[in-house]
Amino acid sequence: MNQYLIKYIRDDMPDDYVGSSIKWSRTKNDAVKLILKKLPDPQGVCVFKRGGTGKIISIEQIEQT
């Protein structure tokens, strides 16, 4: 299992807000599925499990020591 840092913006928060979440999963797509209701559409807009819309900024794998 790998650890991923997912950074995102939400439409229901102030413009300068950048949220982040750390998730354990096998792949990047599996990590994103843990915080979204469905995968992002072609424009990049996604719906979060806790409600609201936004965009995923980046997905980085965290190296384990």
N, C-alpha and C. Protein backbone atom coordinates (compact mmCIF):
# COMPACT_ATOMS: atom_id res chain seq x y z
N MET A 1 0.85 -1.18 0.00
CA MET A 1 0.00 0.00 0.00
C MET A 1 0.90 1.25 0.00
N ASN A 2 0.42 2.25 -0.67
CA ASN A 2 1.13 3.52 -0.78
C ASN A 2 0.33 4.62 -0.09
N GLN A 3 1.01 5.67 0.30
CA GLN A 3 0.37 6.80 0.94
C GLN A 3 0.39 7.97 -0.06
N TYR A 4 -0.77 8.63 -0.24
CA TYR A 4 -0.90 9.71 -1.21
C TYR A 4 -1.41 10.98 -0.53
N LEU A 5 -0.83 12.12 -0.93
CA LEU A 5 -1.29 13.43 -0.49
C LEU A 5 -2.08 14.04 -1.64
N ILE A 6 -3.37 14.31 -1.38
CA ILE A 6 -4.27 14.86 -2.40
C ILE A 6 -4.58 16.31 -2.01
N LYS A 7 -4.28 17.25 -2.90
CA LYS A 7 -4.59 18.66 -2.67
C LYS A 7 -5.73 19.06 -3.60
N TYR A 8 -6.67 19.84 -3.06
CA TYR A 8 -7.85 20.20 -3.84
C TYR A 8 -8.37 21.57 -3.42
N ILE A 9 -9.20 22.15 -4.30
CA ILE A 9 -9.92 23.38 -3.97
C ILE A 9 -11.40 23.06 -3.99
N ARG A 10 -12.16 23.79 -3.18
CA ARG A 10 -13.61 23.58 -3.11
C ARG A 10 -14.31 24.88 -3.48
N ASP A 11 -15.43 24.73 -4.18
CA ASP A 11 -16.19 25.91 -4.61
C ASP A 11 -16.94 26.58 -3.46
N ASP A 12 -17.19 25.84 -2.38
CA ASP A 12 -17.95 26.41 -1.26
C ASP A 12 -17.04 26.99 -0.17
N MET A 13 -15.75 27.15 -0.46
CA MET A 13 -14.80 27.73 0.49
C MET A 13 -14.21 29.01 -0.13
N PRO A 14 -13.52 29.84 0.68
CA PRO A 14 -12.90 31.05 0.13
C PRO A 14 -11.92 30.73 -1.00
N ASP A 15 -11.63 31.72 -1.84
CA ASP A 15 -10.80 31.52 -3.03
C ASP A 15 -9.38 31.05 -2.70
N ASP A 16 -8.82 31.48 -1.57
CA ASP A 16 -7.45 31.12 -1.24
C ASP A 16 -7.33 29.81 -0.47
N TYR A 17 -8.44 29.10 -0.27
CA TYR A 17 -8.44 27.83 0.47
C TYR A 17 -7.90 26.69 -0.40
N VAL A 18 -6.97 25.93 0.15
CA VAL A 18 -6.47 24.71 -0.49
C VAL A 18 -6.56 23.60 0.55
N GLY A 19 -7.41 22.63 0.29
CA GLY A 19 -7.57 21.51 1.21
C GLY A 19 -6.60 20.39 0.86
N SER A 20 -6.34 19.54 1.85
CA SER A 20 -5.47 18.40 1.59
C SER A 20 -5.97 17.21 2.38
N SER A 21 -5.67 16.04 1.87
CA SER A 21 -6.08 14.80 2.51
C SER A 21 -5.00 13.76 2.24
N ILE A 22 -4.69 12.95 3.24
CA ILE A 22 -3.73 11.87 3.07
C ILE A 22 -4.49 10.56 3.12
N LYS A 23 -4.31 9.74 2.11
CA LYS A 23 -5.02 8.47 2.00
C LYS A 23 -4.06 7.33 1.66
N TRP A 24 -4.35 6.15 2.19
CA TRP A 24 -3.60 4.94 1.87
C TRP A 24 -4.37 4.18 0.80
N SER A 25 -3.68 3.78 -0.27
CA SER A 25 -4.31 2.97 -1.32
C SER A 25 -3.23 2.36 -2.20
N ARG A 26 -3.66 1.53 -3.11
CA ARG A 26 -2.72 0.87 -4.03
C ARG A 26 -2.33 1.78 -5.19
N THR A 27 -3.28 2.58 -5.69
CA THR A 27 -3.01 3.45 -6.84
C THR A 27 -3.54 4.86 -6.58
N LYS A 28 -3.13 5.81 -7.43
CA LYS A 28 -3.61 7.19 -7.32
C LYS A 28 -5.12 7.26 -7.50
N ASN A 29 -5.65 6.54 -8.48
CA ASN A 29 -7.09 6.57 -8.74
C ASN A 29 -7.88 6.03 -7.56
N ASP A 30 -7.39 4.98 -6.91
CA ASP A 30 -8.07 4.45 -5.74
C ASP A 30 -8.06 5.46 -4.60
N ALA A 31 -6.98 6.21 -4.45
CA ALA A 31 -6.90 7.23 -3.40
C ALA A 31 -7.92 8.34 -3.65
N VAL A 32 -8.06 8.77 -4.90
CA VAL A 32 -9.02 9.82 -5.25
C VAL A 32 -10.44 9.34 -5.02
N LYS A 33 -10.72 8.08 -5.33
CA LYS A 33 -12.06 7.54 -5.14
C LYS A 33 -12.49 7.57 -3.68
N LEU A 34 -11.54 7.59 -2.75
CA LEU A 34 -11.87 7.60 -1.33
C LEU A 34 -12.46 8.93 -0.87
N ILE A 35 -12.19 10.03 -1.60
CA ILE A 35 -12.73 11.33 -1.18
C ILE A 35 -13.81 11.85 -2.12
N LEU A 36 -14.01 11.20 -3.27
CA LEU A 36 -15.00 11.67 -4.25
C LEU A 36 -16.18 10.71 -4.38
N LYS A 37 -17.34 11.26 -4.74
CA LYS A 37 -18.50 10.42 -5.04
C LYS A 37 -18.33 9.73 -6.38
N LYS A 38 -17.74 10.46 -7.35
CA LYS A 38 -17.46 9.90 -8.68
C LYS A 38 -16.20 10.58 -9.20
N LEU A 39 -15.59 9.98 -10.20
CA LEU A 39 -14.37 10.55 -10.77
C LEU A 39 -14.67 11.89 -11.43
N PRO A 40 -13.67 12.78 -11.52
CA PRO A 40 -13.88 14.11 -12.13
C PRO A 40 -14.35 14.01 -13.58
N ASP A 41 -15.15 14.99 -14.01
CA ASP A 41 -15.59 15.04 -15.40
C ASP A 41 -14.44 15.58 -16.27
N PRO A 42 -14.60 15.63 -17.58
CA PRO A 42 -13.50 16.09 -18.46
C PRO A 42 -12.99 17.50 -18.17
N GLN A 43 -13.83 18.37 -17.61
CA GLN A 43 -13.38 19.72 -17.26
C GLN A 43 -12.62 19.75 -15.93
N GLY A 44 -12.61 18.64 -15.20
CA GLY A 44 -11.89 18.56 -13.93
C GLY A 44 -12.75 18.80 -12.71
N VAL A 45 -14.03 19.09 -12.90
CA VAL A 45 -14.94 19.34 -11.77
C VAL A 45 -15.32 18.00 -11.13
N CYS A 46 -15.29 17.96 -9.81
CA CYS A 46 -15.63 16.73 -9.11
C CYS A 46 -16.58 17.02 -7.95
N VAL A 47 -17.29 15.99 -7.49
CA VAL A 47 -18.22 16.09 -6.37
C VAL A 47 -17.62 15.29 -5.21
N PHE A 48 -17.45 15.94 -4.07
CA PHE A 48 -16.86 15.30 -2.90
C PHE A 48 -17.90 14.49 -2.14
N LYS A 49 -17.45 13.48 -1.39
CA LYS A 49 -18.36 12.64 -0.62
C LYS A 49 -19.11 13.44 0.44
N ARG A 50 -18.49 14.45 1.01
CA ARG A 50 -19.13 15.26 2.04
C ARG A 50 -19.95 16.40 1.46
N GLY A 51 -20.17 16.38 0.16
CA GLY A 51 -20.97 17.41 -0.49
C GLY A 51 -20.09 18.51 -1.04
N GLY A 52 -20.60 19.23 -1.98
CA GLY A 52 -19.85 20.33 -2.58
C GLY A 52 -19.07 19.88 -3.80
N THR A 53 -18.66 20.87 -4.59
CA THR A 53 -17.88 20.60 -5.79
C THR A 53 -16.53 21.29 -5.68
N GLY A 54 -15.64 20.92 -6.56
CA GLY A 54 -14.31 21.52 -6.57
C GLY A 54 -13.44 20.86 -7.62
N LYS A 55 -12.12 21.02 -7.46
CA LYS A 55 -11.16 20.44 -8.40
C LYS A 55 -9.98 19.88 -7.64
N ILE A 56 -9.43 18.78 -8.16
CA ILE A 56 -8.22 18.19 -7.62
C ILE A 56 -7.04 18.96 -8.21
N ILE A 57 -6.15 19.47 -7.35
CA ILE A 57 -4.98 20.21 -7.81
C ILE A 57 -3.83 19.27 -8.09
N SER A 58 -3.53 18.39 -7.12
CA SER A 58 -2.39 17.48 -7.31
C SER A 58 -2.57 16.23 -6.47
N ILE A 59 -1.89 15.17 -6.91
CA ILE A 59 -1.86 13.90 -6.17
C ILE A 59 -0.39 13.49 -6.13
N GLU A 60 0.18 13.42 -4.92
CA GLU A 60 1.59 13.08 -4.77
C GLU A 60 1.73 11.85 -3.90
N GLN A 61 2.63 10.96 -4.31
CA GLN A 61 2.90 9.80 -3.47
C GLN A 61 3.91 10.21 -2.40
N ILE A 62 3.63 9.86 -1.16
CA ILE A 62 4.51 10.19 -0.04
C ILE A 62 5.48 9.03 0.14
N GLU A 63 6.77 9.35 0.11
CA GLU A 63 7.79 8.31 0.29
C GLU A 63 7.85 7.91 1.76
N GLN A 64 7.91 6.63 1.99
CA GLN A 64 7.96 6.10 3.35
C GLN A 64 9.40 5.79 3.72
N THR A 65 9.75 6.13 4.94
CA THR A 65 11.12 5.87 5.41
C THR A 65 11.16 4.76 6.42
